[in-house]
């Protein structure tokens, strides 16, 4: 009889605990298709997108983030270079269906300049990382209204491209 009472008590406790459990996905945002922590390279390219100078600033891979705005709207996101490249943080327009994004003369919130992003795209499970893992890929072109380098050094814009953070140490 003690065993039966014990089993019933255990079953009641399990039912009480599981009935109160509610799965919450705190990581979902309206821009989750294009959000990410990215390891990217920056090349100087001509008008056609052909590389003129590889890794223009000799920084190798740098980290940038794309993430939802406070409004959590599916059609806008932040692009933030975390002050690793040009010290820019802008809002870009996003199409979550095609995973594309752009910004024309967007106001930089880090300091006063206008930033244009064109041909932005995220490709799912498209890139093989240095560690051999399949990861999402990002690519876009960017110009800054206060940048004199393109004119001085014979290119028209920067190409930023790379892969999404995987969490594996060999992919940094």
Protein backbone atom coordinates (compact mmCIF):
# COMPACT_ATOMS: atom_id res chain seq x y z
CA UNK A 1 0.00 0.00 0.00
CA UNK A 2 2.89 2.34 0.79
CA UNK A 3 4.28 1.75 -2.71
CA UNK A 4 0.99 2.66 -4.34
CA UNK A 5 0.71 5.88 -2.30
CA UNK A 6 4.31 6.69 -3.15
CA UNK A 7 3.76 6.08 -6.89
CA UNK A 8 0.55 8.13 -6.89
CA UNK A 9 2.31 10.97 -5.08
CA UNK A 10 5.18 10.88 -7.59
CA UNK A 11 2.78 10.90 -10.54
CA UNK A 12 0.83 13.83 -9.10
CA UNK A 13 4.06 15.79 -8.59
CA UNK A 14 5.23 15.08 -12.13
CA UNK A 15 1.87 16.12 -13.57
CA UNK A 16 1.88 19.31 -11.52
CA UNK A 17 5.39 20.22 -12.62
CA UNK A 18 4.83 19.47 -16.31
CA UNK A 19 1.47 21.21 -16.43
CA UNK A 20 3.10 24.42 -15.19
CA UNK A 21 5.92 24.21 -17.73
CA UNK A 22 5.62 26.66 -20.57
CA UNK A 23 8.23 26.67 -23.29
CA UNK A 24 9.46 30.18 -23.96
CA UNK A 25 11.69 31.06 -26.88
CA UNK A 26 13.44 34.22 -25.75
CA UNK A 27 15.60 34.27 -28.85
CA UNK A 28 12.87 34.76 -31.42
CA UNK A 29 12.59 38.20 -32.99
CA UNK A 30 10.77 39.40 -36.07
CA UNK A 31 14.15 39.65 -37.82
CA UNK A 32 15.46 36.26 -36.72
CA UNK A 33 16.05 35.27 -40.35
CA UNK A 34 18.68 37.98 -40.77
CA UNK A 35 19.87 38.48 -37.17
CA UNK A 36 23.30 37.33 -36.24
CA UNK A 37 26.80 37.66 -34.96
CA UNK A 38 28.99 37.56 -38.05
CA UNK A 39 32.69 37.13 -38.79
CA UNK A 40 33.37 39.18 -41.90
CA UNK A 41 36.14 40.45 -44.16
CA UNK A 42 36.13 43.87 -45.83
CA UNK A 43 37.39 44.24 -49.39
CA UNK A 44 37.56 47.40 -51.51
CA UNK A 45 35.68 46.78 -54.78
CA UNK A 46 34.92 48.59 -58.01
CA UNK A 47 31.46 49.50 -59.30
CA UNK A 48 30.92 45.93 -60.62
CA UNK A 49 31.86 44.37 -57.29
CA UNK A 50 35.26 43.17 -58.47
CA UNK A 51 37.89 43.19 -55.74
CA UNK A 52 40.42 46.01 -56.11
CA UNK A 53 42.10 45.63 -52.69
CA UNK A 54 41.61 42.52 -50.54
CA UNK A 55 41.13 43.01 -46.80
CA UNK A 56 41.46 46.76 -47.28
CA UNK A 57 42.28 47.61 -43.66
CA UNK A 58 44.37 44.47 -42.99
CA UNK A 59 42.12 43.49 -40.11
CA UNK A 60 41.37 39.94 -41.22
CA UNK A 61 37.99 38.82 -39.95
CA UNK A 62 36.13 41.25 -37.74
CA UNK A 63 32.89 40.85 -35.86
CA UNK A 64 29.66 42.67 -36.75
CA UNK A 65 26.09 42.21 -35.54
CA UNK A 66 22.71 42.44 -37.21
CA UNK A 67 19.69 42.50 -34.90
CA UNK A 68 16.13 43.68 -34.44
CA UNK A 69 15.23 47.24 -33.51
CA UNK A 70 13.35 48.11 -30.33
CA UNK A 71 10.14 48.11 -32.38
CA UNK A 72 10.83 44.45 -33.31
CA UNK A 73 9.44 45.02 -36.81
CA UNK A 74 10.21 42.40 -39.46
CA UNK A 75 11.17 45.01 -42.06
CA UNK A 76 14.00 46.79 -40.21
CA UNK A 77 17.17 45.81 -38.37
CA UNK A 78 20.33 47.31 -37.00
CA UNK A 79 23.69 46.74 -38.68
CA UNK A 80 26.45 47.38 -36.16
CA UNK A 81 30.19 47.06 -36.81
CA UNK A 82 30.90 47.37 -33.06
CA UNK A 83 33.47 50.06 -33.92
CA UNK A 84 35.70 47.45 -35.57
CA UNK A 85 35.67 49.03 -39.02
CA UNK A 86 34.07 52.43 -39.66
CA UNK A 87 32.29 52.96 -36.36
CA UNK A 88 28.86 52.64 -37.87
CA UNK A 89 25.48 51.57 -36.59
CA UNK A 90 22.49 52.07 -38.85
CA UNK A 91 18.94 50.89 -39.40
CA UNK A 92 18.44 48.96 -42.63
CA UNK A 93 15.29 47.91 -44.45
CA UNK A 94 14.84 44.14 -44.57
CA UNK A 95 12.75 41.68 -46.56
CA UNK A 96 12.49 38.55 -44.40
CA UNK A 97 11.05 36.49 -47.29
CA UNK A 98 14.06 36.99 -49.56
CA UNK A 99 16.52 37.61 -46.69
CA UNK A 100 17.73 40.81 -48.36
CA UNK A 101 18.45 44.23 -46.88
CA UNK A 102 19.56 47.74 -47.81
CA UNK A 103 19.79 51.30 -46.54
CA UNK A 104 20.09 54.49 -48.57
CA UNK A 105 21.67 57.47 -46.80
CA UNK A 106 20.92 55.98 -43.39
CA UNK A 107 21.93 58.13 -40.45
CA UNK A 108 24.85 56.65 -38.56
CA UNK A 109 24.11 56.79 -34.82
CA UNK A 110 27.75 56.40 -33.79
CA UNK A 111 28.81 59.74 -35.31
CA UNK A 112 27.38 62.09 -37.92
CA UNK A 113 27.63 60.57 -41.39
CA UNK A 114 25.32 58.95 -43.92
CA UNK A 115 25.73 55.27 -44.78
CA UNK A 116 24.45 53.42 -47.83
CA UNK A 117 24.13 49.63 -47.85
CA UNK A 118 23.25 47.85 -51.09
CA UNK A 119 22.74 44.27 -52.26
CA UNK A 120 22.60 42.91 -48.72
CA UNK A 121 21.74 39.23 -48.50
CA UNK A 122 21.78 36.41 -45.98
CA UNK A 123 22.09 32.88 -47.36
CA UNK A 124 21.14 30.03 -45.05
CA UNK A 125 23.60 27.15 -44.56
CA UNK A 126 25.65 28.44 -47.47
CA UNK A 127 29.20 28.86 -46.17
CA UNK A 128 31.73 26.31 -44.96
CA UNK A 129 33.57 27.79 -41.96
CA UNK A 130 37.29 27.36 -41.21
CA UNK A 131 36.32 24.54 -38.84
CA UNK A 132 34.43 22.76 -41.62
CA UNK A 133 30.91 23.53 -40.40
CA UNK A 134 28.04 24.76 -42.54
CA UNK A 135 26.91 28.26 -41.51
CA UNK A 136 24.78 31.14 -42.74
CA UNK A 137 26.50 33.65 -45.02
CA UNK A 138 26.13 37.44 -45.18
CA UNK A 139 27.20 39.83 -47.93
CA UNK A 140 26.60 43.52 -48.59
CA UNK A 141 28.22 46.62 -50.04
CA UNK A 142 28.64 49.81 -48.05
CA UNK A 143 29.67 53.42 -48.67
CA UNK A 144 30.07 56.37 -46.30
CA UNK A 145 29.49 59.99 -47.26
CA UNK A 146 32.59 61.10 -45.33
CA UNK A 147 34.95 58.53 -46.88
CA UNK A 148 37.65 59.87 -49.23
CA UNK A 149 39.47 56.52 -49.62
CA UNK A 150 37.55 55.31 -52.69
CA UNK A 151 38.46 58.39 -54.67
CA UNK A 152 42.08 58.40 -53.51
CA UNK A 153 42.73 54.69 -54.02
CA UNK A 154 40.60 53.84 -57.05
CA UNK A 155 37.65 51.82 -55.75
CA UNK A 156 33.97 52.64 -55.29
CA UNK A 157 32.72 50.80 -52.20
CA UNK A 158 33.44 48.16 -49.58
CA UNK A 159 32.25 44.60 -49.82
CA UNK A 160 31.55 43.06 -46.42
CA UNK A 161 31.06 39.31 -46.38
CA UNK A 162 31.41 36.37 -44.08
CA UNK A 163 29.72 33.76 -41.95
CA UNK A 164 27.56 33.51 -38.87
CA UNK A 165 29.10 32.67 -35.50
CA UNK A 166 28.95 28.93 -34.86
CA UNK A 167 30.24 28.78 -31.31
CA UNK A 168 33.13 26.50 -32.27
CA UNK A 169 36.54 27.91 -31.27
CA UNK A 170 38.11 26.90 -34.58
CA UNK A 171 35.70 29.21 -36.43
CA UNK A 172 36.86 32.49 -34.87
